[in-house]
Amino acid sequence: PKLEEGSGREQVFRMVILLSNISALNIKLDQSVVMVTKAALDQAIKEHEKSGTHQSASTSTKGFVQLSSATDSDSEETAATSKA
């Protein structure tokens, strides 16, 4: 799996660096790297599930749909199953 597909791992590097001139030190942080603990992620998912802010789908927006097996439906708010 690739990193952009969600694969990744945390690495910790511990180093002792001896410097003779502290003004030559330049530390760069990559702000695009996001880390989260599994516990924090699980909590965020639970909060989202409880929020009730899940968007319903329409013909122009993504979202949740209700399935229907009705063969005579012309509803734009339900999605047909293979039995329809």
C-alpha atoms as a PDB file:
ATOM      1  CA  PRO A   1       0.000   0.000   0.000  1.00  0.00           C
ATOM      2  CA  LYS A   2       1.040   3.544  -0.715  1.00  0.00           C
ATOM      3  CA  LEU A   3       1.152   6.395   1.786  1.00  0.00           C
ATOM      4  CA  GLU A   4      -1.509   8.339  -0.136  1.00  0.00           C
ATOM      5  CA  GLU A   5      -3.794   5.291   0.246  1.00  0.00           C
ATOM      6  CA  GLY A   6      -3.589   5.558   4.025  1.00  0.00           C
ATOM      7  CA  SER A   7      -0.638   3.299   4.670  1.00  0.00           C
ATOM      8  CA  GLY A   8       1.998   4.546   7.031  1.00  0.00           C
ATOM      9  CA  ARG A   9       3.742   3.983  10.293  1.00  0.00           C
ATOM     10  CA  GLU A  10       5.219   6.013  13.070  1.00  0.00           C
ATOM     11  CA  GLN A  11       8.969   6.092  13.459  1.00  0.00           C
ATOM     12  CA  VAL A  12      10.870   7.592  16.340  1.00  0.00           C
ATOM     13  CA  PHE A  13      14.472   8.636  15.853  1.00  0.00           C
ATOM     14  CA  ARG A  14      16.505   9.405  18.936  1.00  0.00           C
ATOM     15  CA  MET A  15      19.828  11.049  18.246  1.00  0.00           C
ATOM     16  CA  VAL A  16      22.442  12.917  20.143  1.00  0.00           C
ATOM     17  CA  ILE A  17      23.880  15.644  17.947  1.00  0.00           C
ATOM     18  CA  LEU A  18      26.892  17.636  19.043  1.00  0.00           C
ATOM     19  CA  LEU A  19      27.105  21.073  17.461  1.00  0.00           C
ATOM     20  CA  SER A  20      30.004  23.450  17.544  1.00  0.00           C
ATOM     21  CA  ASN A  21      27.916  26.372  16.239  1.00  0.00           C
ATOM     22  CA  ILE A  22      24.238  26.535  17.264  1.00  0.00           C
ATOM     23  CA  SER A  23      23.533  29.291  14.716  1.00  0.00           C
ATOM     24  CA  ALA A  24      24.142  26.732  11.955  1.00  0.00           C
ATOM     25  CA  LEU A  25      21.210  24.610  13.157  1.00  0.00           C
ATOM     26  CA  ASN A  26      18.094  24.694  10.977  1.00  0.00           C
ATOM     27  CA  ILE A  27      15.126  22.509  11.937  1.00  0.00           C
ATOM     28  CA  LYS A  28      12.304  21.999   9.448  1.00  0.00           C
ATOM     29  CA  LEU A  29       8.925  20.503  10.306  1.00  0.00           C
ATOM     30  CA  ASP A  30       6.600  19.064   7.687  1.00  0.00           C
ATOM     31  CA  GLN A  31       3.157  20.464   8.544  1.00  0.00           C
ATOM     32  CA  SER A  32       1.492  18.164   5.985  1.00  0.00           C
ATOM     33  CA  VAL A  33       2.147  15.131   8.191  1.00  0.00           C
ATOM     34  CA  VAL A  34      -0.785  14.354  10.454  1.00  0.00           C
ATOM     35  CA  MET A  35      -0.593  11.855  13.280  1.00  0.00           C
ATOM     36  CA  VAL A  36      -3.418  10.524  15.389  1.00  0.00           C
ATOM     37  CA  THR A  37      -3.674   7.761  17.935  1.00  0.00           C
ATOM     38  CA  LYS A  38      -6.056   4.873  17.276  1.00  0.00           C
ATOM     39  CA  ALA A  39      -8.010   5.828  20.397  1.00  0.00           C
ATOM     40  CA  ALA A  40      -8.460   9.423  19.177  1.00  0.00           C
ATOM     41  CA  LEU A  41      -9.531   8.206  15.728  1.00  0.00           C
ATOM     42  CA  ASP A  42     -12.031   5.737  17.200  1.00  0.00           C
ATOM     43  CA  GLN A  43     -13.463   8.517  19.388  1.00  0.00           C
ATOM     44  CA  ALA A  44     -13.813  10.878  16.419  1.00  0.00           C
ATOM     45  CA  ILE A  45     -15.633   8.188  14.430  1.00  0.00           C
ATOM     46  CA  LYS A  46     -18.023   7.532  17.338  1.00  0.00           C
ATOM     47  CA  GLU A  47     -18.757  11.258  17.677  1.00  0.00           C
ATOM     48  CA  HIS A  48     -19.424  11.536  13.951  1.00  0.00           C
ATOM     49  CA  GLU A  49     -21.769   8.540  14.007  1.00  0.00           C
ATOM     50  CA  LYS A  50     -23.741  10.099  16.879  1.00  0.00           C
ATOM     51  CA  SER A  51     -23.887  13.550  15.264  1.00  0.00           C
ATOM     52  CA  GLY A  52     -26.714  12.703  12.881  1.00  0.00           C
ATOM     53  CA  THR A  53     -25.267  15.070  10.296  1.00  0.00           C
ATOM     54  CA  HIS A  54     -25.050  12.476   7.572  1.00  0.00           C
ATOM     55  CA  GLN A  55     -26.102  14.008   4.289  1.00  0.00           C
ATOM     56  CA  SER A  56     -28.859  12.392   2.261  1.00  0.00           C
ATOM     57  CA  ALA A  57     -28.058  11.687  -1.372  1.00  0.00           C
ATOM     58  CA  SER A  58     -29.767  13.436  -4.248  1.00  0.00           C
ATOM     59  CA  THR A  59     -29.340  13.448  -8.006  1.00  0.00           C
ATOM     60  CA  SER A  60     -26.677  16.139  -7.592  1.00  0.00           C
ATOM     61  CA  THR A  61     -24.937  15.347  -4.275  1.00  0.00           C
ATOM     62  CA  LYS A  62     -23.348  12.311  -2.656  1.00  0.00           C
ATOM     63  CA  GLY A  63     -24.827  10.909   0.514  1.00  0.00           C
ATOM     64  CA  PHE A  64     -26.823   8.130   2.121  1.00  0.00           C
ATOM     65  CA  VAL A  65     -29.756   6.567   0.279  1.00  0.00           C
ATOM     66  CA  GLN A  66     -32.661   4.357   1.220  1.00  0.00           C
ATOM     67  CA  LEU A  67     -32.860   1.142  -0.793  1.00  0.00           C
ATOM     68  CA  SER A  68     -36.068   0.050  -2.461  1.00  0.00           C
ATOM     69  CA  SER A  69     -37.111  -3.094  -4.324  1.00  0.00           C
ATOM     70  CA  ALA A  70     -40.232  -1.459  -5.732  1.00  0.00           C
ATOM     71  CA  THR A  71     -40.657  -2.107  -9.461  1.00  0.00           C
ATOM     72  CA  ASP A  72     -42.967   0.850 -10.073  1.00  0.00           C
ATOM     73  CA  SER A  73     -41.116   3.608  -8.208  1.00  0.00           C
ATOM     74  CA  ASP A  74     -40.155   6.920  -9.793  1.00  0.00           C
ATOM     75  CA  SER A  75     -38.672   8.280  -6.558  1.00  0.00           C
ATOM     76  CA  GLU A  76     -35.439  10.264  -6.763  1.00  0.00           C
ATOM     77  CA  GLU A  77     -34.855   9.756  -3.033  1.00  0.00           C
ATOM     78  CA  THR A  78     -34.468   5.946  -3.043  1.00  0.00           C
ATOM     79  CA  ALA A  79     -32.064   3.629  -4.845  1.00  0.00           C
ATOM     80  CA  ALA A  80     -33.220   0.483  -6.621  1.00  0.00           C
ATOM     81  CA  THR A  81     -31.952  -2.919  -5.521  1.00  0.00           C
ATOM     82  CA  SER A  82     -31.278  -5.799  -7.913  1.00  0.00           C
ATOM     83  CA  LYS A  83     -34.782  -7.123  -7.122  1.00  0.00           C
ATOM     84  CA  ALA A  84     -36.428  -4.002  -8.583  1.00  0.00           C
END
